[in-house]
């Protein structure tokens, strides 16, 4: 059964995005997890189109998003302006934030508890 919240991983590297996805899927099998990494032509970077696709193909309408570097965040914020999904963005480390969030979603933790826990690991 899919949980009401999902997780989206955005990285400048397709290998990093896939690796984080694989790690968190092990502890959160019922959480919809999607990812995007790199540019359309396989280079290091991010693009609006790949970020948009990762967010939109997530099975649920409320997603926590995690990113590695600034332009990934910028693309998430741009998608947020046009998407009908509720995009929840914290400045938490990509692996630790995604892992902690997916585990809590898997355990049916309340969103306010997840938010409070993420704030303890936010990077400014």
PDB file of N, CA and C in Angstrom:
ATOM      1  N   UNK A   1       0.836  -1.187   0.000  1.00  0.00           N
ATOM      2  CA  UNK A   1       0.000   0.000   0.000  1.00  0.00           C
ATOM      3  C   UNK A   1       0.878   1.248   0.000  1.00  0.00           C
ATOM      4  N   UNK A   2       0.641   2.133  -0.944  1.00  0.00           N
ATOM      5  CA  UNK A   2       1.441   3.350  -1.047  1.00  0.00           C
ATOM      6  C   UNK A   2       1.025   4.344   0.038  1.00  0.00           C
ATOM      7  N   UNK A   3       2.000   4.951   0.659  1.00  0.00           N
ATOM      8  CA  UNK A   3       1.788   5.939   1.709  1.00  0.00           C
ATOM      9  C   UNK A   3       1.319   7.260   1.097  1.00  0.00           C
ATOM     10  N   UNK A   4       0.735   8.170   1.899  1.00  0.00           N
ATOM     11  CA  UNK A   4       0.204   9.426   1.341  1.00  0.00           C
ATOM     12  C   UNK A   4       1.266  10.454   0.954  1.00  0.00           C
ATOM     13  N   UNK A   5       2.493  10.282   1.435  1.00  0.00           N
ATOM     14  CA  UNK A   5       3.584  11.187   1.095  1.00  0.00           C
ATOM     15  C   UNK A   5       4.653  10.410   0.357  1.00  0.00           C
ATOM     16  N   UNK A   6       5.329  11.080  -0.569  1.00  0.00           N
ATOM     17  CA  UNK A   6       6.420  10.473  -1.300  1.00  0.00           C
ATOM     18  C   UNK A   6       7.714  11.237  -1.085  1.00  0.00           C
ATOM     19  N   UNK A   7       8.780  10.719  -1.701  1.00  0.00           N
ATOM     20  CA  UNK A   7      10.102  11.329  -1.617  1.00  0.00           C
ATOM     21  C   UNK A   7      10.656  11.454  -3.033  1.00  0.00           C
ATOM     22  N   UNK A   8      11.251  12.611  -3.302  1.00  0.00           N
ATOM     23  CA  UNK A   8      11.902  12.851  -4.593  1.00  0.00           C
ATOM     24  C   UNK A   8      13.349  13.257  -4.321  1.00  0.00           C
ATOM     25  N   UNK A   9      14.283  12.595  -4.999  1.00  0.00           N
ATOM     26  CA  UNK A   9      15.715  12.844  -4.873  1.00  0.00           C
ATOM     27  C   UNK A   9      16.195  13.547  -6.139  1.00  0.00           C
ATOM     28  N   UNK A  10      16.864  14.685  -5.970  1.00  0.00           N
ATOM     29  CA  UNK A  10      17.411  15.415  -7.121  1.00  0.00           C
ATOM     30  C   UNK A  10      18.904  15.632  -6.892  1.00  0.00           C
ATOM     31  N   UNK A  11      19.710  15.152  -7.826  1.00  0.00           N
ATOM     32  CA  UNK A  11      21.161  15.295  -7.719  1.00  0.00           C
ATOM     33  C   UNK A  11      21.749  15.739  -9.048  1.00  0.00           C
ATOM     34  N   UNK A  12      22.933  16.276  -8.979  1.00  0.00           N
ATOM     35  CA  UNK A  12      23.674  16.619 -10.192  1.00  0.00           C
ATOM     36  C   UNK A  12      24.247  15.376 -10.871  1.00  0.00           C
ATOM     37  N   UNK A  13      24.217  14.257 -10.196  1.00  0.00           N
ATOM     38  CA  UNK A  13      24.753  12.997 -10.720  1.00  0.00           C
ATOM     39  C   UNK A  13      23.655  11.939 -10.768  1.00  0.00           C
ATOM     40  N   UNK A  14      23.486  11.312 -11.922  1.00  0.00           N
ATOM     41  CA  UNK A  14      22.474  10.250 -12.020  1.00  0.00           C
ATOM     42  C   UNK A  14      22.812   9.097 -11.085  1.00  0.00           C
ATOM     43  N   UNK A  15      24.100   8.824 -10.882  1.00  0.00           N
ATOM     44  CA  UNK A  15      24.503   7.734  -9.996  1.00  0.00           C
ATOM     45  C   UNK A  15      24.186   8.045  -8.538  1.00  0.00           C
ATOM     46  N   UNK A  16      24.410   9.280  -8.124  1.00  0.00           N
ATOM     47  CA  UNK A  16      24.071   9.677  -6.746  1.00  0.00           C
ATOM     48  C   UNK A  16      22.560   9.576  -6.543  1.00  0.00           C
ATOM     49  N   UNK A  17      21.780  10.121  -7.463  1.00  0.00           N
ATOM     50  CA  UNK A  17      20.322  10.083  -7.333  1.00  0.00           C
ATOM     51  C   UNK A  17      19.820   8.647  -7.240  1.00  0.00           C
ATOM     52  N   UNK A  18      20.317   7.791  -8.105  1.00  0.00           N
ATOM     53  CA  UNK A  18      19.898   6.380  -8.098  1.00  0.00           C
ATOM     54  C   UNK A  18      20.364   5.684  -6.832  1.00  0.00           C
ATOM     55  N   UNK A  19      21.575   5.973  -6.381  1.00  0.00           N
ATOM     56  CA  UNK A  19      22.097   5.352  -5.168  1.00  0.00           C
ATOM     57  C   UNK A  19      21.300   5.714  -3.938  1.00  0.00           C
ATOM     58  N   UNK A  20      20.970   6.996  -3.783  1.00  0.00           N
ATOM     59  CA  UNK A  20      20.151   7.424  -2.646  1.00  0.00           C
ATOM     60  C   UNK A  20      18.777   6.758  -2.731  1.00  0.00           C
ATOM     61  N   UNK A  21      18.210   6.722  -3.923  1.00  0.00           N
ATOM     62  CA  UNK A  21      16.921   6.048  -4.137  1.00  0.00           C
ATOM     63  C   UNK A  21      16.995   4.593  -3.676  1.00  0.00           C
ATOM     64  N   UNK A  22      18.009   3.886  -4.098  1.00  0.00           N
ATOM     65  CA  UNK A  22      18.138   2.470  -3.752  1.00  0.00           C
ATOM     66  C   UNK A  22      18.288   2.247  -2.248  1.00  0.00           C
ATOM     67  N   UNK A  23      19.063   3.107  -1.596  1.00  0.00           N
ATOM     68  CA  UNK A  23      19.265   2.976  -0.146  1.00  0.00           C
ATOM     69  C   UNK A  23      17.958   3.177   0.600  1.00  0.00           C
ATOM     70  N   UNK A  24      17.233   4.225   0.272  1.00  0.00           N
ATOM     71  CA  UNK A  24      16.028   4.497   1.062  1.00  0.00           C
ATOM     72  C   UNK A  24      14.871   3.559   0.711  1.00  0.00           C
ATOM     73  N   UNK A  25      14.858   3.014  -0.483  1.00  0.00           N
ATOM     74  CA  UNK A  25      13.796   2.066  -0.846  1.00  0.00           C
ATOM     75  C   UNK A  25      13.882   0.809   0.013  1.00  0.00           C
ATOM     76  N   UNK A  26      15.076   0.473   0.477  1.00  0.00           N
ATOM     77  CA  UNK A  26      15.253  -0.693   1.351  1.00  0.00           C
ATOM     78  C   UNK A  26      14.505  -0.544   2.669  1.00  0.00           C
ATOM     79  N   UNK A  27      14.444   0.648   3.213  1.00  0.00           N
ATOM     80  CA  UNK A  27      13.805   0.840   4.517  1.00  0.00           C
ATOM     81  C   UNK A  27      12.387   1.398   4.389  1.00  0.00           C
ATOM     82  N   UNK A  28      11.987   1.752   3.186  1.00  0.00           N
ATOM     83  CA  UNK A  28      10.659   2.342   2.988  1.00  0.00           C
ATOM     84  C   UNK A  28       9.996   1.766   1.731  1.00  0.00           C
ATOM     85  N   UNK A  29       9.698   0.484   1.742  1.00  0.00           N
ATOM     86  CA  UNK A  29       9.162  -0.146   0.529  1.00  0.00           C
ATOM     87  C   UNK A  29       7.774   0.347   0.116  1.00  0.00           C
ATOM     88  N   UNK A  30       7.026   0.935   1.036  1.00  0.00           N
ATOM     89  CA  UNK A  30       5.676   1.400   0.717  1.00  0.00           C
ATOM     90  C   UNK A  30       5.613   2.888   0.375  1.00  0.00           C
ATOM     91  N   UNK A  31       6.773   3.531   0.320  1.00  0.00           N
ATOM     92  CA  UNK A  31       6.840   4.962   0.013  1.00  0.00           C
ATOM     93  C   UNK A  31       7.175   5.131  -1.467  1.00  0.00           C
ATOM     94  N   UNK A  32       6.422   5.994  -2.147  1.00  0.00           N
ATOM     95  CA  UNK A  32       6.720   6.290  -3.547  1.00  0.00           C
ATOM     96  C   UNK A  32       7.976   7.164  -3.599  1.00  0.00           C
ATOM     97  N   UNK A  33       9.021   6.639  -4.229  1.00  0.00           N
ATOM     98  CA  UNK A  33      10.300   7.339  -4.315  1.00  0.00           C
ATOM     99  C   UNK A  33      10.688   7.461  -5.783  1.00  0.00           C
ATOM    100  N   UNK A  34      10.948   8.694  -6.204  1.00  0.00           N
ATOM    101  CA  UNK A  34      11.419   8.923  -7.562  1.00  0.00           C
ATOM    102  C   UNK A  34      12.698   9.753  -7.489  1.00  0.00           C
ATOM    103  N   UNK A  35      13.423   9.770  -8.582  1.00  0.00           N
ATOM    104  CA  UNK A  35      14.678  10.509  -8.577  1.00  0.00           C
ATOM    105  C   UNK A  35      15.037  11.009  -9.972  1.00  0.00           C
ATOM    106  N   UNK A  36      15.905  12.014  -9.974  1.00  0.00           N
ATOM    107  CA  UNK A  36      16.474  12.528 -11.220  1.00  0.00           C
ATOM    108  C   UNK A  36      17.889  12.964 -10.917  1.00  0.00           C
ATOM    109  N   UNK A  37      18.764  12.701 -11.856  1.00  0.00           N
ATOM    110  CA  UNK A  37      20.140  13.123 -11.698  1.00  0.00           C
ATOM    111  C   UNK A  37      20.782  13.377 -13.043  1.00  0.00           C
ATOM    112  N   UNK A  38      21.596  14.410 -13.081  1.00  0.00           N
ATOM    113  CA  UNK A  38      22.287  14.738 -14.323  1.00  0.00           C
ATOM    114  C   UNK A  38      21.380  15.471 -15.294  1.00  0.00           C
ATOM    115  N   UNK A  39      21.956  15.762 -16.432  1.00  0.00           N
ATOM    116  CA  UNK A  39      21.219  16.471 -17.483  1.00  0.00           C
ATOM    117  C   UNK A  39      20.646  15.464 -18.472  1.00  0.00           C
ATOM    118  N   UNK A  40      19.832  15.954 -19.391  1.00  0.00           N
ATOM    119  CA  UNK A  40      19.220  15.061 -20.389  1.00  0.00           C
ATOM    120  C   UNK A  40      20.267  14.328 -21.226  1.00  0.00           C
ATOM    121  N   UNK A  41      21.401  14.972 -21.444  1.00  0.00           N
ATOM    122  CA  UNK A  41      22.432  14.339 -22.280  1.00  0.00           C
ATOM    123  C   UNK A  41      23.495  13.607 -21.460  1.00  0.00           C
ATOM    124  N   UNK A  42      23.208  13.355 -20.166  1.00  0.00           N
ATOM    125  CA  UNK A  42      24.090  12.514 -19.364  1.00  0.00           C
ATOM    126  C   UNK A  42      25.222  13.227 -18.647  1.00  0.00           C
ATOM    127  N   UNK A  43      25.272  14.549 -18.741  1.00  0.00           N
ATOM    128  CA  UNK A  43      26.344  15.281 -18.069  1.00  0.00           C
ATOM    129  C   UNK A  43      25.981  15.558 -16.607  1.00  0.00           C
ATOM    130  N   UNK A  44      26.958  16.013 -15.855  1.00  0.00           N
ATOM    131  CA  UNK A  44      26.728  16.438 -14.482  1.00  0.00           C
ATOM    132  C   UNK A  44      25.946  17.740 -14.512  1.00  0.00           C
ATOM    133  N   UNK A  45      24.904  17.826 -13.720  1.00  0.00           N
ATOM    134  CA  UNK A  45      24.076  19.019 -13.660  1.00  0.00           C
ATOM    135  C   UNK A  45      22.632  18.632 -13.406  1.00  0.00           C
ATOM    136  N   UNK A  46      21.753  19.603 -13.513  1.00  0.00           N
ATOM    137  CA  UNK A  46      20.319  19.341 -13.392  1.00  0.00           C
ATOM    138  C   UNK A  46      19.598  20.122 -14.468  1.00  0.00           C
ATOM    139  N   UNK A  47      18.364  19.736 -14.696  1.00  0.00           N
ATOM    140  CA  UNK A  47      17.556  20.486 -15.653  1.00  0.00           C
ATOM    141  C   UNK A  47      16.119  20.519 -15.169  1.00  0.00           C
ATOM    142  N   UNK A  48      15.434  21.556 -15.549  1.00  0.00           N
ATOM    143  CA  UNK A  48      14.036  21.699 -15.182  1.00  0.00           C
ATOM    144  C   UNK A  48      13.241  20.469 -15.624  1.00  0.00           C
ATOM    145  N   UNK A  49      13.455  20.021 -16.860  1.00  0.00           N
ATOM    146  CA  UNK A  49      12.650  18.917 -17.401  1.00  0.00           C
ATOM    147  C   UNK A  49      12.815  17.619 -16.613  1.00  0.00           C
ATOM    148  N   UNK A  50      14.059  17.264 -16.248  1.00  0.00           N
ATOM    149  CA  UNK A  50      14.251  16.015 -15.510  1.00  0.00           C
ATOM    150  C   UNK A  50      13.719  16.125 -14.078  1.00  0.00           C
ATOM    151  N   UNK A  51      13.863  17.300 -13.472  1.00  0.00           N
ATOM    152  CA  UNK A  51      13.337  17.510 -12.121  1.00  0.00           C
ATOM    153  C   UNK A  51      11.807  17.464 -12.160  1.00  0.00           C
ATOM    154  N   UNK A  52      11.216  18.141 -13.118  1.00  0.00           N
ATOM    155  CA  UNK A  52       9.760  18.130 -13.264  1.00  0.00           C
ATOM    156  C   UNK A  52       9.246  16.704 -13.457  1.00  0.00           C
ATOM    157  N   UNK A  53       9.902  15.943 -14.292  1.00  0.00           N
ATOM    158  CA  UNK A  53       9.483  14.571 -14.551  1.00  0.00           C
ATOM    159  C   UNK A  53       9.546  13.719 -13.282  1.00  0.00           C
ATOM    160  N   UNK A  54      10.617  13.856 -12.519  1.00  0.00           N
ATOM    161  CA  UNK A  54      10.749  13.072 -11.286  1.00  0.00           C
ATOM    162  C   UNK A  54       9.649  13.410 -10.286  1.00  0.00           C
ATOM    163  N   UNK A  55       9.313  14.671 -10.192  1.00  0.00           N
ATOM    164  CA  UNK A  55       8.254  15.087  -9.263  1.00  0.00           C
ATOM    165  C   UNK A  55       6.892  14.624  -9.774  1.00  0.00           C
ATOM    166  N   UNK A  56       6.622  14.850 -11.040  1.00  0.00           N
ATOM    167  CA  UNK A  56       5.310  14.511 -11.585  1.00  0.00           C
ATOM    168  C   UNK A  56       5.060  13.010 -11.675  1.00  0.00           C
ATOM    169  N   UNK A  57       6.100  12.207 -11.859  1.00  0.00           N
ATOM    170  CA  UNK A  57       5.864  10.759 -11.964  1.00  0.00           C
ATOM    171  C   UNK A  57       5.763  10.080 -10.599  1.00  0.00           C
ATOM    172  N   UNK A  58       6.017  10.819  -9.523  1.00  0.00           N
ATOM    173  CA  UNK A  58       5.813  10.253  -8.194  1.00  0.00           C
ATOM    174  C   UNK A  58       4.320   9.962  -8.038  1.00  0.00           C
ATOM    175  N   UNK A  59       3.988   8.819  -7.462  1.00  0.00           N
ATOM    176  CA  UNK A  59       2.609   8.343  -7.412  1.00  0.00           C
ATOM    177  C   UNK A  59       1.679   9.166  -6.530  1.00  0.00           C
ATOM    178  N   UNK A  60       2.222   9.979  -5.638  1.00  0.00           N
ATOM    179  CA  UNK A  60       1.381  10.700  -4.682  1.00  0.00           C
ATOM    180  C   UNK A  60       1.413  12.207  -4.949  1.00  0.00           C
ATOM    181  N   UNK A  61       0.497  12.912  -4.314  1.00  0.00           N
ATOM    182  CA  UNK A  61       0.367  14.349  -4.560  1.00  0.00           C
ATOM    183  C   UNK A  61       1.144  15.223  -3.589  1.00  0.00           C
ATOM    184  N   UNK A  62       1.750  14.616  -2.563  1.00  0.00           N
ATOM    185  CA  UNK A  62       2.531  15.362  -1.573  1.00  0.00           C
ATOM    186  C   UNK A  62       3.908  14.724  -1.493  1.00  0.00           C
ATOM    187  N   UNK A  63       4.937  15.489  -1.868  1.00  0.00           N
ATOM    188  CA  UNK A  63       6.286  14.917  -1.909  1.00  0.00           C
ATOM    189  C   UNK A  63       7.284  15.772  -1.145  1.00  0.00           C
ATOM    190  N   UNK A  64       8.136  15.077  -0.405  1.00  0.00           N
ATOM    191  CA  UNK A  64       9.298  15.708   0.211  1.00  0.00           C
ATOM    192  C   UNK A  64      10.411  15.635  -0.816  1.00  0.00           C
ATOM    193  N   UNK A  65      11.069  16.752  -1.078  1.00  0.00           N
ATOM    194  CA  UNK A  65      12.145  16.772  -2.067  1.00  0.00           C
ATOM    195  C   UNK A  65      13.479  17.056  -1.387  1.00  0.00           C
ATOM    196  N   UNK A  66      14.507  16.380  -1.872  1.00  0.00           N
ATOM    197  CA  UNK A  66      15.863  16.536  -1.345  1.00  0.00           C
ATOM    198  C   UNK A  66      16.810  16.710  -2.520  1.00  0.00           C
ATOM    199  N   UNK A  67      17.810  17.558  -2.329  1.00  0.00           N
ATOM    200  CA  UNK A  67      18.709  17.928  -3.420  1.00  0.00           C
ATOM    201  C   UNK A  67      20.134  18.011  -2.903  1.00  0.00           C
ATOM    202  N   UNK A  68      21.091  18.021  -3.846  1.00  0.00           N
ATOM    203  CA  UNK A  68      22.497  18.090  -3.430  1.00  0.00           C
ATOM    204  C   UNK A  68      23.091  19.495  -3.518  1.00  0.00           C
ATOM    205  N   UNK A  69      22.820  20.254  -4.553  1.00  0.00           N
ATOM    206  CA  UNK A  69      23.449  21.559  -4.748  1.00  0.00           C
ATOM    207  C   UNK A  69      22.416  22.592  -5.213  1.00  0.00           C
ATOM    208  N   UNK A  70      22.831  23.846  -5.192  1.00  0.00           N
ATOM    209  CA  UNK A  70      21.949  24.976  -5.428  1.00  0.00           C
ATOM    210  C   UNK A  70      21.080  24.955  -6.665  1.00  0.00           C
ATOM    211  N   UNK A  71      21.622  24.590  -7.819  1.00  0.00           N
ATOM    212  CA  UNK A  71      20.782  24.634  -9.012  1.00  0.00           C
ATOM    213  C   UNK A  71      19.716  23.542  -8.989  1.00  0.00           C
ATOM    214  N   UNK A  72      19.965  22.465  -8.266  1.00  0.00           N
ATOM    215  CA  UNK A  72      18.932  21.443  -8.088  1.00  0.00           C
ATOM    216  C   UNK A  72      17.779  22.034  -7.282  1.00  0.00           C
ATOM    217  N   UNK A  73      18.108  22.781  -6.241  1.00  0.00           N
ATOM    218  CA  UNK A  73      17.082  23.448  -5.432  1.00  0.00           C
ATOM    219  C   UNK A  73      16.312  24.446  -6.290  1.00  0.00           C
ATOM    220  N   UNK A  74      17.028  25.205  -7.103  1.00  0.00           N
ATOM    221  CA  UNK A  74      16.378  26.186  -7.961  1.00  0.00           C
ATOM    222  C   UNK A  74      15.371  25.516  -8.902  1.00  0.00           C
ATOM    223  N   UNK A  75      15.748  24.377  -9.457  1.00  0.00           N
ATOM    224  CA  UNK A  75      14.827  23.663 -10.355  1.00  0.00           C
ATOM    225  C   UNK A  75      13.617  23.121  -9.608  1.00  0.00           C
ATOM    226  N   UNK A  76      13.814  22.647  -8.374  1.00  0.00           N
ATOM    227  CA  UNK A  76      12.679  22.195  -7.564  1.00  0.00           C
ATOM    228  C   UNK A  76      11.727  23.363  -7.317  1.00  0.00           C
ATOM    229  N   UNK A  77      12.282  24.503  -6.949  1.00  0.00           N
ATOM    230  CA  UNK A  77      11.456  25.683  -6.670  1.00  0.00           C
ATOM    231  C   UNK A  77      10.711  26.154  -7.922  1.00  0.00           C
ATOM    232  N   UNK A  78      11.324  26.016  -9.085  1.00  0.00           N
ATOM    233  CA  UNK A  78      10.665  26.400 -10.333  1.00  0.00           C
ATOM    234  C   UNK A  78       9.517  25.444 -10.639  1.00  0.00           C
ATOM    235  N   UNK A  79       9.746  24.156 -10.452  1.00  0.00           N
ATOM    236  CA  UNK A  79       8.670  23.174 -10.649  1.00  0.00           C
ATOM    237  C   UNK A  79       7.527  23.451  -9.674  1.00  0.00           C
ATOM    238  N   UNK A  80       7.879  23.810  -8.455  1.00  0.00           N
ATOM    239  CA  UNK A  80       6.870  24.088  -7.426  1.00  0.00           C
ATOM    240  C   UNK A  80       5.888  25.170  -7.880  1.00  0.00           C
ATOM    241  N   UNK A  81       6.365  26.123  -8.667  1.00  0.00           N
ATOM    242  CA  UNK A  81       5.521  27.218  -9.138  1.00  0.00           C
ATOM    243  C   UNK A  81       4.439  26.750 -10.110  1.00  0.00           C
ATOM    244  N   UNK A  82       4.672  25.647 -10.821  1.00  0.00           N
ATOM    245  CA  UNK A  82       3.711  25.201 -11.827  1.00  0.00           C
ATOM    246  C   UNK A  82       3.032  23.876 -11.489  1.00  0.00           C
ATOM    247  N   UNK A  83       3.564  23.134 -10.564  1.00  0.00           N
ATOM    248  CA  UNK A  83       3.034  21.809 -10.242  1.00  0.00           C
ATOM    249  C   UNK A  83       1.794  21.912  -9.358  1.00  0.00           C
ATOM    250  N   UNK A  84       0.911  20.972  -9.529  1.00  0.00           N
ATOM    251  CA  UNK A  84      -0.261  20.888  -8.658  1.00  0.00           C
ATOM    252  C   UNK A  84       0.048  20.065  -7.414  1.00  0.00           C
ATOM    253  N   UNK A  85       1.213  19.460  -7.375  1.00  0.00           N
ATOM    254  CA  UNK A  85       1.614  18.668  -6.209  1.00  0.00           C
ATOM    255  C   UNK A  85       2.048  19.589  -5.074  1.00  0.00           C
ATOM    256  N   UNK A  86       1.893  19.080  -3.862  1.00  0.00           N
ATOM    257  CA  UNK A  86       2.435  19.788  -2.707  1.00  0.00           C
ATOM    258  C   UNK A  86       3.892  19.364  -2.578  1.00  0.00           C
ATOM    259  N   UNK A  87       4.802  20.307  -2.787  1.00  0.00           N
ATOM    260  CA  UNK A  87       6.230  20.029  -2.755  1.00  0.00           C
ATOM    261  C   UNK A  87       6.795  20.581  -1.449  1.00  0.00           C
ATOM    262  N   UNK A  88       7.342  19.691  -0.647  1.00  0.00           N
ATOM    263  CA  UNK A  88       7.883  20.056   0.658  1.00  0.00           C
ATOM    264  C   UNK A  88       9.397  20.007   0.545  1.00  0.00           C
ATOM    265  N   UNK A  89      10.038  21.133   0.793  1.00  0.00           N
ATOM    266  CA  UNK A  89      11.482  21.258   0.571  1.00  0.00           C
ATOM    267  C   UNK A  89      12.180  21.672   1.864  1.00  0.00           C
ATOM    268  N   UNK A  90      13.151  20.866   2.278  1.00  0.00           N
ATOM    269  CA  UNK A  90      13.990  21.199   3.424  1.00  0.00           C
ATOM    270  C   UNK A  90      15.435  21.248   2.962  1.00  0.00           C
ATOM    271  N   UNK A  91      16.219  22.084   3.586  1.00  0.00           N
ATOM    272  CA  UNK A  91      17.643  22.180   3.278  1.00  0.00           C
ATOM    273  C   UNK A  91      18.426  21.179   4.121  1.00  0.00           C
ATOM    274  N   UNK A  92      18.061  19.933   3.999  1.00  0.00           N
ATOM    275  CA  UNK A  92      18.710  18.853   4.754  1.00  0.00           C
ATOM    276  C   UNK A  92      19.670  18.111   3.829  1.00  0.00           C
ATOM    277  N   UNK A  93      20.683  17.461   4.394  1.00  0.00           N
ATOM    278  CA  UNK A  93      21.583  16.658   3.563  1.00  0.00           C
ATOM    279  C   UNK A  93      20.777  15.639   2.755  1.00  0.00           C
ATOM    280  N   UNK A  94      21.150  15.446   1.518  1.00  0.00           N
ATOM    281  CA  UNK A  94      20.348  14.645   0.594  1.00  0.00           C
ATOM    282  C   UNK A  94      20.123  13.211   1.101  1.00  0.00           C
ATOM    283  N   UNK A  95      21.156  12.520   1.517  1.00  0.00           N
ATOM    284  CA  UNK A  95      20.984  11.138   1.958  1.00  0.00           C
ATOM    285  C   UNK A  95      20.316  11.071   3.325  1.00  0.00           C
ATOM    286  N   UNK A  96      20.845  11.801   4.281  1.00  0.00           N
ATOM    287  CA  UNK A  96      20.307  11.733   5.633  1.00  0.00           C
ATOM    288  C   UNK A  96      18.867  12.229   5.693  1.00  0.00           C
ATOM    289  N   UNK A  97      18.590  13.316   5.001  1.00  0.00           N
ATOM    290  CA  UNK A  97      17.241  13.856   4.991  1.00  0.00           C
ATOM    291  C   UNK A  97      16.245  12.923   4.335  1.00  0.00           C
ATOM    292  N   UNK A  98      16.610  12.403   3.173  1.00  0.00           N
ATOM    293  CA  UNK A  98      15.715  11.492   2.455  1.00  0.00           C
ATOM    294  C   UNK A  98      15.506  10.194   3.231  1.00  0.00           C
ATOM    295  N   UNK A  99      16.577   9.680   3.827  1.00  0.00           N
ATOM    296  CA  UNK A  99      16.500   8.432   4.581  1.00  0.00           C
ATOM    297  C   UNK A  99      15.593   8.598   5.802  1.00  0.00           C
ATOM    298  N   UNK A 100      15.843   9.643   6.577  1.00  0.00           N
ATOM    299  CA  UNK A 100      15.049   9.880   7.789  1.00  0.00           C
ATOM    300  C   UNK A 100      13.582  10.114   7.435  1.00  0.00           C
ATOM    301  N   UNK A 101      13.336  10.860   6.387  1.00  0.00           N
ATOM    302  CA  UNK A 101      11.966  11.161   5.987  1.00  0.00           C
ATOM    303  C   UNK A 101      11.247   9.915   5.491  1.00  0.00           C
ATOM    304  N   UNK A 102      11.888   9.155   4.619  1.00  0.00           N
ATOM    305  CA  UNK A 102      11.252   7.938   4.094  1.00  0.00           C
ATOM    306  C   UNK A 102      10.944   6.954   5.221  1.00  0.00           C
ATOM    307  N   UNK A 103      11.862   6.806   6.165  1.00  0.00           N
ATOM    308  CA  UNK A 103      11.636   5.898   7.291  1.00  0.00           C
ATOM    309  C   UNK A 103      10.430   6.358   8.109  1.00  0.00           C
ATOM    310  N   UNK A 104      10.323   7.661   8.334  1.00  0.00           N
ATOM    311  CA  UNK A 104       9.202   8.183   9.113  1.00  0.00           C
ATOM    312  C   UNK A 104       7.877   8.062   8.361  1.00  0.00           C
ATOM    313  N   UNK A 105       7.900   8.276   7.057  1.00  0.00           N
ATOM    314  CA  UNK A 105       6.687   8.082   6.265  1.00  0.00           C
ATOM    315  C   UNK A 105       6.270   6.616   6.336  1.00  0.00           C
ATOM    316  N   UNK A 106       7.229   5.725   6.213  1.00  0.00           N
ATOM    317  CA  UNK A 106       6.956   4.288   6.280  1.00  0.00           C
ATOM    318  C   UNK A 106       6.280   3.924   7.609  1.00  0.00           C
ATOM    319  N   UNK A 107       6.659   4.609   8.683  1.00  0.00           N
ATOM    320  CA  UNK A 107       6.107   4.334  10.018  1.00  0.00           C
ATOM    321  C   UNK A 107       4.829   5.147  10.282  1.00  0.00           C
ATOM    322  N   UNK A 108       4.324   5.852   9.272  1.00  0.00           N
ATOM    323  CA  UNK A 108       3.119   6.670   9.397  1.00  0.00           C
ATOM    324  C   UNK A 108       3.262   7.811  10.400  1.00  0.00           C
ATOM    325  N   UNK A 109       4.459   8.381  10.459  1.00  0.00           N
ATOM    326  CA  UNK A 109       4.685   9.524  11.350  1.00  0.00           C
ATOM    327  C   UNK A 109       3.916  10.733  10.828  1.00  0.00           C
ATOM    328  N   UNK A 110       3.506  11.603  11.721  1.00  0.00           N
ATOM    329  CA  UNK A 110       2.780  12.816  11.351  1.00  0.00           C
ATOM    330  C   UNK A 110       3.726  13.802  10.661  1.00  0.00           C
ATOM    331  N   UNK A 111       3.208  14.542   9.669  1.00  0.00           N
ATOM    332  CA  UNK A 111       4.044  15.514   8.954  1.00  0.00           C
ATOM    333  C   UNK A 111       4.708  16.548   9.867  1.00  0.00           C
ATOM    334  N   UNK A 112       4.032  16.977  10.907  1.00  0.00           N
ATOM    335  CA  UNK A 112       4.635  17.972  11.798  1.00  0.00           C
ATOM    336  C   UNK A 112       5.825  17.395  12.566  1.00  0.00           C
ATOM    337  N   UNK A 113       5.793  16.112  12.863  1.00  0.00           N
ATOM    338  CA  UNK A 113       6.927  15.463  13.527  1.00  0.00           C
ATOM    339  C   UNK A 113       8.090  15.324  12.545  1.00  0.00           C
ATOM    340  N   UNK A 114       7.771  14.932  11.308  1.00  0.00           N
ATOM    341  CA  UNK A 114       8.813  14.834  10.278  1.00  0.00           C
ATOM    342  C   UNK A 114       9.473  16.202  10.100  1.00  0.00           C
ATOM    343  N   UNK A 115       8.670  17.254  10.011  1.00  0.00           N
ATOM    344  CA  UNK A 115       9.212  18.606   9.837  1.00  0.00           C
ATOM    345  C   UNK A 115      10.116  18.992  11.003  1.00  0.00           C
ATOM    346  N   UNK A 116       9.680  18.719  12.211  1.00  0.00           N
ATOM    347  CA  UNK A 116      10.495  19.054  13.389  1.00  0.00           C
ATOM    348  C   UNK A 116      11.814  18.295  13.369  1.00  0.00           C
ATOM    349  N   UNK A 117      11.773  17.033  12.995  1.00  0.00           N
ATOM    350  CA  UNK A 117      13.004  16.234  12.925  1.00  0.00           C
ATOM    351  C   UNK A 117      13.932  16.728  11.821  1.00  0.00           C
ATOM    352  N   UNK A 118      13.384  17.103  10.676  1.00  0.00           N
ATOM    353  CA  UNK A 118      14.214  17.620   9.586  1.00  0.00           C
ATOM    354  C   UNK A 118      14.866  18.944   9.955  1.00  0.00           C
ATOM    355  N   UNK A 119      14.168  19.759  10.699  1.00  0.00           N
ATOM    356  CA  UNK A 119      14.753  21.050  11.102  1.00  0.00           C
ATOM    357  C   UNK A 119      16.026  20.865  11.930  1.00  0.00           C
ATOM    358  N   UNK A 120      16.149  19.738  12.625  1.00  0.00           N
ATOM    359  CA  UNK A 120      17.344  19.507  13.443  1.00  0.00           C
ATOM    360  C   UNK A 120      18.581  19.208  12.602  1.00  0.00           C
ATOM    361  N   UNK A 121      18.380  18.843  11.329  1.00  0.00           N
ATOM    362  CA  UNK A 121      19.536  18.546  10.471  1.00  0.00           C
ATOM    363  C   UNK A 121      19.642  19.499   9.278  1.00  0.00           C
ATOM    364  N   UNK A 122      18.844  20.555   9.281  1.00  0.00           N
ATOM    365  CA  UNK A 122      18.904  21.516   8.183  1.00  0.00           C
ATOM    366  C   UNK A 122      20.271  22.175   8.105  1.00  0.00           C
ATOM    367  N   UNK A 123      20.668  22.451   6.874  1.00  0.00           N
ATOM    368  CA  UNK A 123      21.913  23.172   6.596  1.00  0.00           C
ATOM    369  C   UNK A 123      21.509  24.531   6.047  1.00  0.00           C
ATOM    370  N   UNK A 124      22.053  25.563   6.569  1.00  0.00           N
ATOM    371  CA  UNK A 124      21.675  26.908   6.122  1.00  0.00           C
ATOM    372  C   UNK A 124      22.502  27.341   4.942  1.00  0.00           C
TER     373      UNK A 124
END
